[in-house]
């Protein structure tokens, strides 16, 4: 659904896609997973119209979503404008926290807080951003913040300057990254985009791990006219999106680089 929200649309219908190890796992587990999906669909006013299921050795679950959008209002990730401000609506660190949870190192309240973030729809953020002069948008998932931002930068004829201190992060993620609870996908993300990013020395490896951390149901990354940015932040916070922050700016540069500063 976040893919639709990031484009400025509204999801309307869904189909379940399930692979389930019937011989290894109780069917009650699948029932709980499907109920969880239906709960979020109801919250989003999306109708479940069917689905497909197969027996597999590994549990997999997802939704195929169809949404509506006006053709003249489609947002893409390929329209960064010089002078735009970049807004992120959710904190980073869910991949690191999940890795720590698998290692039985994360406390219950940290897991619950992180779960709430991952189960929060980007619906409100999407509806609010449509009221402003937004030029580009994407949602942050498996490539991490910098991986998805790189997709916006490449081919744009612009560069981006980010400020680590302005980027919302789940506080516990820093400590877990420091002791090595970093998903394998983080290193793949860093390797793939290493030539596109320039780091100020104080950022360090921990900061890089945070910014490339694969997210599950991360927030929206919005490129908005700088004149609208502060008002949008106020509007987002008034509607419960407390972590929304201006994290950087778009600067004209044909080198197409992401500059990360402390």
Protein backbone atom coordinates (compact mmCIF):
# COMPACT_ATOMS: atom_id res chain seq x y z
CA UNK A 1 0.00 0.00 0.00
CA UNK A 2 2.90 2.35 0.67
CA UNK A 3 3.86 2.21 -3.01
CA UNK A 4 0.44 3.64 -3.86
CA UNK A 5 0.58 6.22 -1.07
CA UNK A 6 4.02 7.37 -2.25
CA UNK A 7 2.60 8.11 -5.70
CA UNK A 8 -0.19 10.21 -4.21
CA UNK A 9 -2.87 7.58 -4.74
CA UNK A 10 -5.34 5.62 -2.63
CA UNK A 11 -5.25 1.80 -2.48
CA UNK A 12 -8.68 0.27 -3.14
CA UNK A 13 -8.47 -3.52 -3.62
CA UNK A 14 -6.15 -6.28 -2.45
CA UNK A 15 -5.41 -9.95 -3.06
CA UNK A 16 -3.67 -12.19 -0.53
CA UNK A 17 -0.50 -13.98 -1.67
CA UNK A 18 0.51 -16.80 0.68
CA UNK A 19 3.13 -19.54 0.80
CA UNK A 20 2.79 -21.66 3.92
CA UNK A 21 4.63 -24.73 5.34
CA UNK A 22 1.53 -26.73 6.30
CA UNK A 23 3.56 -29.72 7.52
CA UNK A 24 5.83 -27.62 9.74
CA UNK A 25 3.62 -24.90 11.18
CA UNK A 26 0.22 -24.78 12.84
CA UNK A 27 -2.53 -23.42 10.62
CA UNK A 28 -3.44 -21.07 13.49
CA UNK A 29 -0.27 -19.10 12.68
CA UNK A 30 -1.51 -18.48 9.16
CA UNK A 31 -4.90 -17.47 10.51
CA UNK A 32 -3.30 -14.81 12.73
CA UNK A 33 -1.21 -13.48 9.84
CA UNK A 34 -4.23 -13.18 7.56
CA UNK A 35 -6.26 -11.52 10.32
CA UNK A 36 -3.47 -8.99 10.81
CA UNK A 37 -3.48 -8.18 7.10
CA UNK A 38 -7.25 -7.80 7.05
CA UNK A 39 -7.09 -5.43 10.04
CA UNK A 40 -4.77 -3.10 8.13
CA UNK A 41 -6.88 -3.35 4.98
CA UNK A 42 -9.95 -2.31 6.98
CA UNK A 43 -8.03 0.60 8.45
CA UNK A 44 -7.06 1.69 4.93
CA UNK A 45 -10.59 1.20 3.54
CA UNK A 46 -9.26 -1.41 1.12
CA UNK A 47 -11.40 -4.35 -0.01
CA UNK A 48 -9.95 -7.89 -0.06
CA UNK A 49 -11.21 -9.51 -3.27
CA UNK A 50 -9.43 -12.88 -3.22
CA UNK A 51 -5.97 -14.37 -3.28
CA UNK A 52 -3.67 -17.28 -4.01
CA UNK A 53 -1.98 -19.74 -1.67
CA UNK A 54 0.55 -22.54 -2.13
CA UNK A 55 2.35 -24.97 0.15
CA UNK A 56 6.02 -24.05 0.57
CA UNK A 57 8.87 -24.81 2.95
CA UNK A 58 9.20 -21.13 3.83
CA UNK A 59 6.45 -18.86 5.11
CA UNK A 60 5.70 -15.93 2.81
CA UNK A 61 2.86 -13.45 2.92
CA UNK A 62 2.04 -10.33 0.98
CA UNK A 63 -0.68 -8.38 -0.73
CA UNK A 64 -1.17 -7.41 -4.36
CA UNK A 65 -2.69 -3.93 -4.29
CA UNK A 66 -4.64 -1.90 -6.85
CA UNK A 67 -5.13 1.81 -6.25
CA UNK A 68 -6.69 4.89 -7.83
CA UNK A 69 -5.01 8.16 -8.75
CA UNK A 70 -5.73 11.11 -11.02
CA UNK A 71 -3.38 10.89 -14.04
CA UNK A 72 -2.42 14.56 -13.72
CA UNK A 73 -1.48 14.18 -10.04
CA UNK A 74 0.89 11.19 -10.14
CA UNK A 75 4.04 11.60 -8.07
CA UNK A 76 7.19 9.75 -9.07
CA UNK A 77 10.67 9.50 -7.59
CA UNK A 78 12.25 11.16 -10.64
CA UNK A 79 11.45 14.86 -10.31
CA UNK A 80 13.80 16.36 -7.70
CA UNK A 81 13.97 20.15 -7.99
CA UNK A 82 16.88 22.34 -6.87
CA UNK A 83 16.05 24.09 -3.61
CA UNK A 84 13.56 21.45 -2.49
CA UNK A 85 13.57 20.31 1.11
CA UNK A 86 13.55 16.59 1.89
CA UNK A 87 11.11 15.36 4.52
CA UNK A 88 11.13 11.91 6.11
CA UNK A 89 7.99 10.83 7.97
CA UNK A 90 9.19 7.81 10.01
CA UNK A 91 12.40 7.09 11.95
CA UNK A 92 15.02 4.68 10.65
CA UNK A 93 16.34 1.58 12.40
CA UNK A 94 13.64 -1.08 12.08
CA UNK A 95 15.99 -3.55 10.36
CA UNK A 96 18.60 -3.21 13.09
CA UNK A 97 16.00 -3.56 15.86
CA UNK A 98 14.53 -6.65 14.19
CA UNK A 99 18.01 -8.19 13.98
CA UNK A 100 18.58 -7.48 17.67
CA UNK A 101 15.18 -9.02 18.46
CA UNK A 102 16.16 -12.20 16.62
CA UNK A 103 19.29 -12.25 18.79
CA UNK A 104 17.08 -11.83 21.89
CA UNK A 105 18.84 -8.57 22.76
CA UNK A 106 16.01 -6.06 22.21
CA UNK A 107 13.76 -5.26 25.15
CA UNK A 108 10.03 -5.80 24.91
CA UNK A 109 9.18 -2.08 24.89
CA UNK A 110 11.67 -1.48 22.07
CA UNK A 111 10.14 -4.28 20.02
CA UNK A 112 6.62 -2.99 20.66
CA UNK A 113 7.60 0.56 19.72
CA UNK A 114 9.26 -0.64 16.51
CA UNK A 115 6.28 -2.84 15.65
CA UNK A 116 3.94 0.14 16.01
CA UNK A 117 6.08 2.09 13.56
CA UNK A 118 6.04 -0.74 11.03
CA UNK A 119 2.28 -1.23 11.30
CA UNK A 120 1.49 2.48 10.94
CA UNK A 121 0.08 3.23 7.51
CA UNK A 122 1.53 6.01 5.37
CA UNK A 123 -2.03 7.01 4.56
CA UNK A 124 -2.18 10.25 6.56
CA UNK A 125 1.26 11.38 5.41
CA UNK A 126 0.25 10.78 1.80
CA UNK A 127 -2.98 12.75 2.10
CA UNK A 128 -1.26 15.65 3.82
CA UNK A 129 1.57 15.93 1.29
CA UNK A 130 -0.92 16.26 -1.57
CA UNK A 131 -1.90 19.67 -0.22
CA UNK A 132 1.57 21.06 -0.86
CA UNK A 133 3.94 21.62 -3.77
CA UNK A 134 5.55 18.17 -3.79
CA UNK A 135 7.80 17.32 -6.72
CA UNK A 136 8.85 13.73 -5.94
CA UNK A 137 8.23 11.02 -3.37
CA UNK A 138 9.17 7.45 -2.54
CA UNK A 139 8.70 5.09 0.39
CA UNK A 140 11.68 3.74 2.34
CA UNK A 141 11.91 -0.06 2.40
CA UNK A 142 14.56 -2.67 1.68
CA UNK A 143 17.25 -0.44 0.13
CA UNK A 144 17.37 1.82 3.18
CA UNK A 145 17.12 5.59 3.16
CA UNK A 146 20.19 6.14 1.00
CA UNK A 147 19.33 3.34 -1.40
CA UNK A 148 15.92 4.77 -2.15
CA UNK A 149 17.22 8.34 -2.20
CA UNK A 150 19.82 7.20 -4.74
CA UNK A 151 16.99 6.14 -7.06
CA UNK A 152 15.67 9.69 -6.85
CA UNK A 153 19.08 11.29 -7.47
CA UNK A 154 20.28 9.19 -10.42
CA UNK A 155 19.21 10.86 -13.64
CA UNK A 156 17.89 13.96 -11.85
CA UNK A 157 20.76 16.32 -12.67
CA UNK A 158 20.88 17.22 -8.98
CA UNK A 159 22.68 16.28 -5.80
CA UNK A 160 21.38 16.03 -2.24
CA UNK A 161 22.82 17.16 1.08
CA UNK A 162 21.66 15.26 4.18
CA UNK A 163 22.26 16.10 7.83
CA UNK A 164 22.53 13.04 10.06
CA UNK A 165 21.53 14.98 13.19
CA UNK A 166 18.22 15.90 11.54
CA UNK A 167 17.29 12.36 10.49
CA UNK A 168 14.85 10.63 12.88
CA UNK A 169 16.23 7.32 14.17
CA UNK A 170 14.96 4.84 16.75
CA UNK A 171 17.44 5.63 19.58
CA UNK A 172 18.24 2.00 20.41
CA UNK A 173 19.33 1.39 16.81
CA UNK A 174 22.60 3.25 17.36
CA UNK A 175 23.66 1.00 20.24
CA UNK A 176 22.63 -2.22 18.50
CA UNK A 177 24.50 -1.18 15.35
CA UNK A 178 27.54 -0.40 17.50
CA UNK A 179 27.63 -3.97 18.83
CA UNK A 180 27.06 -5.57 15.45
CA UNK A 181 23.32 -6.27 15.10
CA UNK A 182 23.23 -5.10 11.48
CA UNK A 183 21.19 -6.93 8.78
CA UNK A 184 23.15 -8.50 5.93
CA UNK A 185 21.14 -6.37 3.51
CA UNK A 186 22.77 -3.24 4.94
CA UNK A 187 26.18 -4.25 3.59
CA UNK A 188 24.73 -5.10 0.19
CA UNK A 189 23.02 -1.70 0.08
CA UNK A 190 26.24 0.10 1.01
CA UNK A 191 28.29 -1.77 -1.56
CA UNK A 192 25.81 -1.12 -4.36
CA UNK A 193 25.66 2.65 -3.83
CA UNK A 194 29.13 3.35 -2.41
CA UNK A 195 30.21 5.46 -5.39
CA UNK A 196 27.19 7.75 -5.13
CA UNK A 197 27.65 8.79 -1.48
CA UNK A 198 30.22 11.15 -0.01
CA UNK A 199 30.57 10.99 3.77
CA UNK A 200 31.82 13.70 6.07
CA UNK A 201 34.37 11.89 8.32
CA UNK A 202 32.42 12.37 11.60
CA UNK A 203 29.47 10.33 10.26
CA UNK A 204 31.40 7.04 10.58
CA UNK A 205 30.37 3.43 9.96
CA UNK A 206 27.54 3.47 12.50
CA UNK A 207 25.89 6.39 10.76
CA UNK A 208 26.32 4.63 7.42
CA UNK A 209 24.75 1.44 8.81
CA UNK A 210 21.74 3.43 10.01
CA UNK A 211 21.25 5.21 6.68
CA UNK A 212 21.50 1.98 4.66
CA UNK A 213 19.47 -0.11 7.13
CA UNK A 214 16.74 -2.06 5.24
CA UNK A 215 13.37 -0.86 6.50
CA UNK A 216 10.09 -2.71 6.80
CA UNK A 217 7.19 -0.36 6.04
CA UNK A 218 9.33 2.74 6.42
CA UNK A 219 8.13 6.29 6.00
CA UNK A 220 7.70 8.50 2.97
CA UNK A 221 10.63 10.52 1.66
CA UNK A 222 9.16 13.69 0.19
CA UNK A 223 10.84 16.32 -1.99
CA UNK A 224 8.81 19.48 -1.43
CA UNK A 225 9.22 23.15 -2.28
CA UNK A 226 11.22 24.65 0.58
CA UNK A 227 8.58 27.37 1.04
CA UNK A 228 6.07 24.66 2.02
CA UNK A 229 8.38 22.46 4.10
CA UNK A 230 7.93 23.98 7.56
CA UNK A 231 4.17 24.22 7.20
CA UNK A 232 4.00 20.60 6.05
CA UNK A 233 6.00 19.48 9.11
CA UNK A 234 3.56 21.29 11.41
CA UNK A 235 0.61 19.72 9.57
CA UNK A 236 2.13 16.22 9.78
CA UNK A 237 2.83 16.53 13.50
CA UNK A 238 -0.68 17.83 14.17
CA UNK A 239 -1.96 14.62 12.58
CA UNK A 240 0.08 12.27 14.75
CA UNK A 241 3.18 11.94 12.55
CA UNK A 242 5.47 13.12 15.33
CA UNK A 243 8.77 11.94 13.82
CA UNK A 244 8.39 13.89 10.56
CA UNK A 245 11.56 15.91 9.96
CA UNK A 246 13.33 17.99 7.35
CA UNK A 247 16.47 15.94 6.77
CA UNK A 248 18.18 17.66 3.86
CA UNK A 249 17.98 19.65 0.66
CA UNK A 250 18.30 19.25 -3.10
CA UNK A 251 21.19 21.15 -4.67
CA UNK A 252 21.97 21.63 -8.38
CA UNK A 253 24.90 19.47 -9.44
CA UNK A 254 25.47 17.35 -12.52
CA UNK A 255 27.68 15.01 -10.44
CA UNK A 256 24.56 13.51 -8.86
CA UNK A 257 25.99 12.84 -5.41
CA UNK A 258 24.50 12.32 -1.95
CA UNK A 259 26.51 14.32 0.58
CA UNK A 260 26.06 13.16 4.17
CA UNK A 261 27.08 15.55 6.93
CA UNK A 262 26.95 15.12 10.74
